[in-house]
């Protein structure tokens, strides 16, 4: 049956850049986050559901002292009732971009005041596009470690560059070790990603936008203390910053997506990399697979089966840790040509065949409520497994007349 859609945030001021996490022990408990514009100030919204996404409470988290706004939120779950939200906070001049982390130990009912992890300084350093993860791997000796990735931007006004900074915490986010530089300081990247394998191997991936356009990877076999040399995953053809559809004005950044099969089934240990790519002359979602812990990768292939010329973008990826179902969510204009929908591509055979299904129950206009094409609809969406074999996805939707976070829930098995 089609996915069920739920409205997560109230209508009105814009909400965008959503992410979601699910309590693996009680999958009906979910915490989502996004930018929540309060008046004119972008804040961190934290949304909690105890009924599988049907209803949500809304909490606006406070800024650290001296900061004027926050964006680029992400959320992760840790055993047994822990949720962690990362965000990029900035001062009134838009500078001093700082990575912060909020902690909850009661399933998102309350969050502690923000912890400053990575301060930014003027135009010299800005820590943006955050992502947080927790080692929940079943056979990991590092279970409970927190891992933080962000786009560390340097020399913002003079030949700017951006790199992958990685930090870890061994005490539930109370303190954080010195950051590790994982990418080339002469390159430019967008938000990096992290995946954790069954035995605790950390996979850190990023896509360079200059000088070359590549999906690259480094690995840690000791819980983030050290990382191996860089491994190429695939060459990437970046999509246009604004997709070539008349009336579109929103930017489309290209982020990497990684997830590992943590099951003990047929494809245990398999690693998946997913991204949007323009190699076909339109934006489509591609996947590459590794069967040897990220050492070598398969030839990239499309997962959407979308009509040629349609635009498919903002993929997110999660692999069911018990059943191994590969779940990919993405935006597409394949239904209408202009209006947007959300689809999933799902596989039960290790990524050989994908079944695509519409998630949105109605298409929506990205420019709804704006007299001119909007410049941002959020730079990503998200999906997480709801065991066994289901999923919950979140995206920015405008069917209510404003940018609002919606969720799509489906427990149907993949056909």
Protein backbone atom coordinates (compact mmCIF):
# COMPACT_ATOMS: atom_id res chain seq x y z
CA UNK A 1 0.00 0.00 0.00
CA UNK A 2 1.16 3.64 -0.34
CA UNK A 3 3.12 5.19 2.48
CA UNK A 4 1.13 7.08 5.11
CA UNK A 5 2.00 10.79 5.31
CA UNK A 6 2.11 12.69 8.58
CA UNK A 7 2.68 16.40 9.15
CA UNK A 8 5.56 16.77 11.60
CA UNK A 9 5.82 20.54 12.08
CA UNK A 10 3.16 23.25 12.10
CA UNK A 11 2.64 25.36 8.98
CA UNK A 12 3.77 28.97 8.83
CA UNK A 13 7.39 30.01 8.96
CA UNK A 14 9.82 27.82 6.98
CA UNK A 15 11.09 24.47 8.26
CA UNK A 16 13.72 22.64 6.21
CA UNK A 17 16.86 20.43 6.32
CA UNK A 18 15.13 17.55 8.14
CA UNK A 19 16.74 14.46 9.64
CA UNK A 20 15.29 11.61 11.68
CA UNK A 21 16.40 8.86 14.06
CA UNK A 22 14.51 5.84 15.42
CA UNK A 23 14.88 4.03 18.74
CA UNK A 24 16.06 0.58 17.65
CA UNK A 25 14.65 -1.01 20.81
CA UNK A 26 11.24 0.70 20.55
CA UNK A 27 10.76 1.66 16.88
CA UNK A 28 7.57 3.59 17.58
CA UNK A 29 9.78 6.21 19.30
CA UNK A 30 11.28 8.69 16.83
CA UNK A 31 13.09 12.00 17.04
CA UNK A 32 13.34 14.35 14.06
CA UNK A 33 15.06 17.69 13.70
CA UNK A 34 15.24 20.55 11.20
CA UNK A 35 15.74 24.25 10.81
CA UNK A 36 12.70 25.89 12.44
CA UNK A 37 12.41 29.59 11.59
CA UNK A 38 11.00 31.30 14.67
CA UNK A 39 9.95 34.78 13.62
CA UNK A 40 12.95 35.52 11.40
CA UNK A 41 15.52 33.49 13.37
CA UNK A 42 16.56 30.00 12.22
CA UNK A 43 16.53 27.71 15.25
CA UNK A 44 16.91 23.99 15.97
CA UNK A 45 13.59 22.18 16.07
CA UNK A 46 13.36 18.85 17.89
CA UNK A 47 10.23 16.77 17.19
CA UNK A 48 9.32 13.62 19.12
CA UNK A 49 6.83 10.90 18.27
CA UNK A 50 5.87 7.97 20.49
CA UNK A 51 3.32 6.50 18.07
CA UNK A 52 5.33 5.71 14.95
CA UNK A 53 5.12 9.19 13.46
CA UNK A 54 1.36 9.76 13.72
CA UNK A 55 1.69 12.67 16.17
CA UNK A 56 4.64 14.86 17.09
CA UNK A 57 5.55 17.20 19.92
CA UNK A 58 7.59 20.28 18.98
CA UNK A 59 10.47 21.69 21.01
CA UNK A 60 12.68 24.62 19.95
CA UNK A 61 16.16 24.12 21.38
CA UNK A 62 18.07 27.12 22.78
CA UNK A 63 21.10 28.68 21.14
CA UNK A 64 24.43 28.94 22.95
CA UNK A 65 25.08 32.33 24.50
CA UNK A 66 26.24 34.88 21.93
CA UNK A 67 24.82 33.10 18.89
CA UNK A 68 22.06 34.38 16.61
CA UNK A 69 20.86 31.31 14.71
CA UNK A 70 21.37 27.64 13.87
CA UNK A 71 21.01 25.40 10.82
CA UNK A 72 22.30 22.15 9.25
CA UNK A 73 20.84 19.94 11.96
CA UNK A 74 21.20 16.15 12.17
CA UNK A 75 20.07 13.56 14.72
CA UNK A 76 21.31 10.13 15.83
CA UNK A 77 20.08 7.44 18.21
CA UNK A 78 22.14 5.52 20.78
CA UNK A 79 21.19 2.65 23.08
CA UNK A 80 19.00 2.60 25.11
CA UNK A 81 17.10 5.93 25.17
CA UNK A 82 19.67 8.44 23.91
CA UNK A 83 19.27 10.93 21.08
CA UNK A 84 21.89 13.46 19.94
CA UNK A 85 21.36 16.47 17.66
CA UNK A 86 24.21 18.32 15.96
CA UNK A 87 23.85 21.78 14.42
CA UNK A 88 25.77 24.71 12.97
CA UNK A 89 25.37 27.87 15.09
CA UNK A 90 26.46 31.32 13.94
CA UNK A 91 26.70 34.88 15.26
CA UNK A 92 24.62 37.88 14.19
CA UNK A 93 27.05 38.72 11.37
CA UNK A 94 26.70 35.19 9.98
CA UNK A 95 30.27 34.34 10.97
CA UNK A 96 32.00 32.21 13.60
CA UNK A 97 30.18 29.08 12.43
CA UNK A 98 30.38 26.64 15.32
CA UNK A 99 29.36 22.99 15.58
CA UNK A 100 27.19 22.28 18.62
CA UNK A 101 25.60 19.12 20.05
CA UNK A 102 22.41 18.67 22.11
CA UNK A 103 21.95 15.54 24.23
CA UNK A 104 18.81 13.74 25.40
CA UNK A 105 18.78 10.65 27.60
CA UNK A 106 15.00 10.28 27.87
CA UNK A 107 13.97 9.56 24.27
CA UNK A 108 13.94 13.21 23.25
CA UNK A 109 11.50 14.42 25.90
CA UNK A 110 14.13 16.84 27.18
CA UNK A 111 17.45 18.03 25.76
CA UNK A 112 20.34 19.42 27.74
CA UNK A 113 21.80 22.85 26.86
CA UNK A 114 24.04 22.79 23.77
CA UNK A 115 27.68 21.74 24.01
CA UNK A 116 30.14 23.65 21.84
CA UNK A 117 32.29 21.09 20.03
CA UNK A 118 34.06 22.95 17.21
CA UNK A 119 34.25 26.76 17.47
CA UNK A 120 34.49 28.89 14.36
CA UNK A 121 36.49 32.10 14.10
CA UNK A 122 35.55 34.96 11.78
CA UNK A 123 36.27 34.34 8.12
CA UNK A 124 39.11 31.96 8.95
CA UNK A 125 37.13 28.87 10.01
CA UNK A 126 33.45 27.94 9.75
CA UNK A 127 32.10 24.53 10.80
CA UNK A 128 28.95 23.80 8.79
CA UNK A 129 26.85 20.93 7.36
CA UNK A 130 27.01 18.75 10.45
CA UNK A 131 26.35 15.04 10.79
CA UNK A 132 26.36 12.92 13.95
CA UNK A 133 26.36 9.14 14.36
CA UNK A 134 26.51 6.61 17.19
CA UNK A 135 28.15 3.18 17.07
CA UNK A 136 25.21 0.82 17.64
CA UNK A 137 26.87 -2.07 15.78
CA UNK A 138 26.10 -5.48 17.20
CA UNK A 139 29.69 -6.85 17.15
CA UNK A 140 31.55 -3.59 17.73
CA UNK A 141 34.01 -3.26 20.63
CA UNK A 142 33.50 0.50 20.31
CA UNK A 143 29.73 0.48 20.84
CA UNK A 144 28.48 3.78 22.26
CA UNK A 145 31.16 5.93 20.65
CA UNK A 146 29.81 9.16 19.15
CA UNK A 147 31.14 10.35 15.82
CA UNK A 148 30.76 13.84 14.40
CA UNK A 149 31.48 14.95 10.83
CA UNK A 150 31.26 18.44 9.42
CA UNK A 151 32.33 20.65 6.56
CA UNK A 152 35.22 22.70 7.98
CA UNK A 153 35.44 25.79 5.77
CA UNK A 154 38.65 27.81 5.71
CA UNK A 155 39.58 31.31 4.44
CA UNK A 156 35.99 32.09 3.55
CA UNK A 157 36.72 35.31 1.60
CA UNK A 158 40.09 34.51 -0.01
CA UNK A 159 40.29 31.40 -2.22
CA UNK A 160 37.97 29.47 0.12
CA UNK A 161 38.37 25.74 0.69
CA UNK A 162 36.48 23.19 2.77
CA UNK A 163 37.52 19.89 4.30
CA UNK A 164 36.16 16.87 6.19
CA UNK A 165 36.73 17.20 9.92
CA UNK A 166 35.98 14.17 12.13
CA UNK A 167 35.64 14.13 15.90
CA UNK A 168 34.72 11.45 18.39
CA UNK A 169 33.40 11.33 21.94
CA UNK A 170 33.89 8.44 24.35
CA UNK A 171 31.56 9.77 27.06
CA UNK A 172 28.15 10.27 25.40
CA UNK A 173 29.10 13.64 23.95
CA UNK A 174 30.16 15.36 27.18
CA UNK A 175 33.67 15.91 25.81
CA UNK A 176 35.15 15.61 22.33
CA UNK A 177 38.63 14.74 21.15
CA UNK A 178 40.73 16.87 18.84
CA UNK A 179 39.37 16.87 15.27
CA UNK A 180 41.00 14.78 12.55
CA UNK A 181 41.45 16.14 9.02
CA UNK A 182 40.34 13.45 6.57
CA UNK A 183 40.31 15.25 3.20
CA UNK A 184 42.77 17.31 1.15
CA UNK A 185 42.96 20.93 2.44
CA UNK A 186 43.23 22.21 -1.15
CA UNK A 187 39.91 20.67 -2.15
CA UNK A 188 36.30 21.77 -1.71
CA UNK A 189 33.69 19.39 -0.32
CA UNK A 190 30.10 19.50 0.88
CA UNK A 191 28.76 17.69 3.95
CA UNK A 192 30.61 14.40 4.61
CA UNK A 193 28.95 11.19 5.80
CA UNK A 194 29.75 8.41 8.27
CA UNK A 195 28.69 4.76 8.38
CA UNK A 196 29.56 2.11 10.96
CA UNK A 197 29.91 -1.57 10.03
CA UNK A 198 28.99 -4.68 12.02
CA UNK A 199 32.34 -4.86 13.83
CA UNK A 200 32.67 -1.12 14.38
CA UNK A 201 34.62 -0.19 11.26
CA UNK A 202 34.04 3.50 10.54
CA UNK A 203 33.58 4.58 6.95
CA UNK A 204 33.97 8.32 6.33
CA UNK A 205 33.00 9.54 2.86
CA UNK A 206 32.94 12.84 1.01
CA UNK A 207 32.48 14.21 -2.50
CA UNK A 208 34.94 16.78 -3.81
CA UNK A 209 33.58 19.58 -5.98
CA UNK A 210 37.02 20.90 -6.96
CA UNK A 211 39.60 20.29 -8.38
CA UNK A 212 38.09 16.92 -9.40
CA UNK A 213 34.61 15.61 -8.70
CA UNK A 214 34.94 12.30 -6.87
CA UNK A 215 33.33 10.23 -4.13
CA UNK A 216 36.18 9.38 -1.75
CA UNK A 217 36.46 7.25 1.39
CA UNK A 218 38.66 6.67 4.43
CA UNK A 219 38.28 3.92 7.02
CA UNK A 220 39.05 3.43 10.69
CA UNK A 221 39.49 -0.04 12.20
CA UNK A 222 40.14 1.19 15.75
CA UNK A 223 37.08 3.20 16.63
CA UNK A 224 38.19 6.46 15.07
CA UNK A 225 41.68 6.72 16.56
CA UNK A 226 43.33 6.32 13.15
CA UNK A 227 42.22 6.29 9.51
CA UNK A 228 43.58 4.55 6.43
CA UNK A 229 44.61 6.29 3.22
CA UNK A 230 41.97 7.63 0.84
CA UNK A 231 40.14 5.16 -1.42
CA UNK A 232 38.23 6.28 -4.56
CA UNK A 233 34.61 5.13 -4.71
CA UNK A 234 33.50 6.67 -8.01
CA UNK A 235 33.84 9.65 -10.28
CA UNK A 236 30.88 12.01 -9.94
CA UNK A 237 29.24 14.31 -12.49
CA UNK A 238 27.80 17.11 -10.37
CA UNK A 239 24.23 18.18 -11.04
CA UNK A 240 23.66 21.87 -11.85
CA UNK A 241 23.36 24.01 -8.73
CA UNK A 242 19.85 24.89 -9.95
CA UNK A 243 18.21 22.08 -11.88
CA UNK A 244 17.30 22.99 -15.50
CA UNK A 245 13.54 23.07 -14.99
CA UNK A 246 11.76 26.36 -15.78
CA UNK A 247 10.59 27.89 -12.52
CA UNK A 248 13.10 26.11 -10.28
CA UNK A 249 15.39 28.34 -8.22
CA UNK A 250 16.36 26.16 -5.26
CA UNK A 251 19.96 25.03 -4.93
CA UNK A 252 20.89 21.36 -5.16
CA UNK A 253 24.08 20.39 -3.35
CA UNK A 254 25.63 16.95 -3.84
CA UNK A 255 26.17 15.02 -0.59
CA UNK A 256 27.57 11.49 -0.17
CA UNK A 257 25.54 8.75 1.49
CA UNK A 258 27.02 5.62 3.09
CA UNK A 259 25.48 2.68 4.92
CA UNK A 260 26.72 -0.79 5.86
CA UNK A 261 24.89 -4.09 6.13
CA UNK A 262 25.16 -5.00 9.83
CA UNK A 263 23.12 -8.20 9.58
CA UNK A 264 24.42 -11.76 9.82
CA UNK A 265 22.54 -12.66 6.64
CA UNK A 266 23.68 -13.19 3.05
CA UNK A 267 25.04 -9.67 2.44
CA UNK A 268 26.58 -9.07 5.86
CA UNK A 269 29.43 -6.55 5.66
CA UNK A 270 28.37 -5.13 2.29
CA UNK A 271 28.90 -1.36 2.04
CA UNK A 272 26.71 0.92 -0.06
CA UNK A 273 27.50 4.38 -1.45
CA UNK A 274 24.71 6.52 -2.94
CA UNK A 275 24.71 9.97 -4.54
CA UNK A 276 22.99 12.12 -7.18
CA UNK A 277 24.74 12.33 -10.54
CA UNK A 278 24.30 14.12 -13.89
CA UNK A 279 26.15 11.65 -16.12
CA UNK A 280 22.95 10.83 -18.05
CA UNK A 281 22.20 14.50 -18.78
CA UNK A 282 19.68 14.75 -15.95
CA UNK A 283 19.89 14.27 -12.20
CA UNK A 284 19.57 10.64 -11.17
CA UNK A 285 20.41 8.54 -8.10
CA UNK A 286 23.38 6.17 -8.38
CA UNK A 287 24.73 3.41 -6.19
CA UNK A 288 28.07 1.66 -5.93
CA UNK A 289 28.72 -1.42 -3.75
CA UNK A 290 31.77 -2.81 -1.96
CA UNK A 291 32.14 -6.37 -0.72
CA UNK A 292 35.60 -5.92 0.80
CA UNK A 293 35.21 -3.20 3.43
CA UNK A 294 35.43 -0.36 0.95
CA UNK A 295 38.65 -1.40 -0.80
CA UNK A 296 37.10 -1.75 -4.26
CA UNK A 297 33.73 -0.68 -5.65
CA UNK A 298 31.27 -1.83 -8.30
CA UNK A 299 30.43 0.16 -11.40
CA UNK A 300 27.83 2.81 -10.47
CA UNK A 301 24.26 2.18 -11.57
CA UNK A 302 20.95 4.02 -11.32
CA UNK A 303 18.41 2.87 -8.73
CA UNK A 304 15.34 4.89 -9.76
CA UNK A 305 14.06 3.53 -13.06
CA UNK A 306 12.91 7.11 -13.59
CA UNK A 307 11.97 8.48 -17.02
CA UNK A 308 14.94 10.01 -18.91
CA UNK A 309 15.02 13.76 -18.41
CA UNK A 310 13.31 13.69 -15.03
CA UNK A 311 15.15 15.19 -12.07
CA UNK A 312 15.87 12.91 -9.09
CA UNK A 313 17.89 14.36 -6.24
CA UNK A 314 18.63 14.66 -2.50
CA UNK A 315 19.05 10.91 -1.86
CA UNK A 316 19.41 9.52 1.67
CA UNK A 317 20.27 5.92 2.56
CA UNK A 318 19.79 3.48 5.42
CA UNK A 319 20.24 -0.30 5.58
CA UNK A 320 18.02 -2.31 7.93
CA UNK A 321 20.41 -3.64 10.64
CA UNK A 322 18.35 -6.83 11.14
CA UNK A 323 16.95 -7.66 7.67
CA UNK A 324 19.46 -5.98 5.33
CA UNK A 325 16.83 -4.11 3.29
CA UNK A 326 18.47 -1.21 1.44
CA UNK A 327 16.27 1.89 1.77
CA UNK A 328 16.91 4.99 -0.38
CA UNK A 329 14.68 8.08 -0.36
CA UNK A 330 14.82 10.93 -2.88
CA UNK A 331 12.96 13.88 -4.39
CA UNK A 332 11.72 13.58 -7.98
CA UNK A 333 9.62 15.47 -10.54
CA UNK A 334 8.83 12.26 -12.44
CA UNK A 335 5.08 12.43 -11.73
CA UNK A 336 4.36 15.96 -12.97
CA UNK A 337 7.54 17.39 -14.53
CA UNK A 338 7.47 20.46 -12.29
CA UNK A 339 5.78 19.52 -9.01
CA UNK A 340 7.86 17.49 -6.57
CA UNK A 341 7.26 14.10 -5.01
CA UNK A 342 9.25 11.83 -2.72
CA UNK A 343 9.99 8.25 -3.76
CA UNK A 344 11.87 5.35 -2.21
CA UNK A 345 14.07 2.81 -3.96
CA UNK A 346 14.31 -0.40 -1.91
CA UNK A 347 16.24 -3.65 -2.39
CA UNK A 348 16.10 -7.02 -0.61
CA UNK A 349 18.86 -8.68 -2.67
CA UNK A 350 21.91 -6.64 -1.72
CA UNK A 351 21.32 -3.86 -4.24
CA UNK A 352 20.91 -5.97 -7.39
CA UNK A 353 17.28 -4.97 -8.01
CA UNK A 354 15.42 -1.94 -6.65
CA UNK A 355 11.68 -1.50 -6.24
CA UNK A 356 10.61 2.16 -6.50
CA UNK A 357 7.48 3.48 -4.82
CA UNK A 358 5.90 6.88 -4.36
CA UNK A 359 5.95 8.09 -0.74
CA UNK A 360 4.12 11.42 -1.00
CA UNK A 361 0.34 11.17 -1.15
CA UNK A 362 0.20 14.38 -3.19
CA UNK A 363 2.67 16.36 -5.30
CA UNK A 364 3.73 19.82 -4.17
CA UNK A 365 5.06 23.04 -5.68
CA UNK A 366 8.51 23.95 -4.33
CA UNK A 367 7.64 27.64 -4.77
CA UNK A 368 4.31 27.45 -2.93
CA UNK A 369 3.68 30.65 -0.99
CA UNK A 370 6.47 32.58 -2.75
CA UNK A 371 5.96 35.09 -5.62
CA UNK A 372 9.36 34.11 -7.07
CA UNK A 373 11.25 30.81 -7.23
CA UNK A 374 12.61 29.94 -3.77
CA UNK A 375 16.38 29.58 -3.40
CA UNK A 376 16.35 26.86 -0.73
CA UNK A 377 14.04 23.93 0.04
CA UNK A 378 16.58 22.39 2.39
CA UNK A 379 19.75 20.73 1.19
CA UNK A 380 18.83 17.16 2.19
CA UNK A 381 16.08 14.81 3.34
CA UNK A 382 16.40 11.62 5.40
CA UNK A 383 15.24 8.03 5.94
CA UNK A 384 15.63 5.51 8.75
CA UNK A 385 14.67 1.86 9.12
CA UNK A 386 11.68 0.87 11.22
CA UNK A 387 12.27 -2.80 11.97
CA UNK A 388 11.26 -5.22 10.74
CA UNK A 389 11.54 -4.13 7.10
CA UNK A 390 9.78 -0.76 7.31
CA UNK A 391 10.98 2.84 7.06
CA UNK A 392 10.23 6.41 8.10
CA UNK A 393 11.28 9.24 5.79
CA UNK A 394 11.21 13.00 6.30
CA UNK A 395 11.29 15.84 3.80
CA UNK A 396 10.36 19.50 3.26
CA UNK A 397 6.86 19.76 1.79
CA UNK A 398 4.72 22.76 0.80
CA UNK A 399 1.24 21.22 0.48
CA UNK A 400 0.07 23.33 3.47
CA UNK A 401 1.16 26.58 1.79
CA UNK A 402 4.57 26.90 3.48
CA UNK A 403 7.75 24.88 3.90
CA UNK A 404 6.75 22.23 6.43
CA UNK A 405 8.32 18.94 7.50
CA UNK A 406 6.34 15.83 6.53
CA UNK A 407 7.03 12.19 7.27
CA UNK A 408 6.22 9.10 5.23
CA UNK A 409 5.81 5.79 7.08
CA UNK A 410 5.58 2.36 5.51
CA UNK A 411 5.89 -1.12 7.02
CA UNK A 412 5.11 -3.04 3.83
CA UNK A 413 7.72 -5.65 2.92
CA UNK A 414 9.58 -5.04 -0.33
CA UNK A 415 8.02 -6.92 -3.25
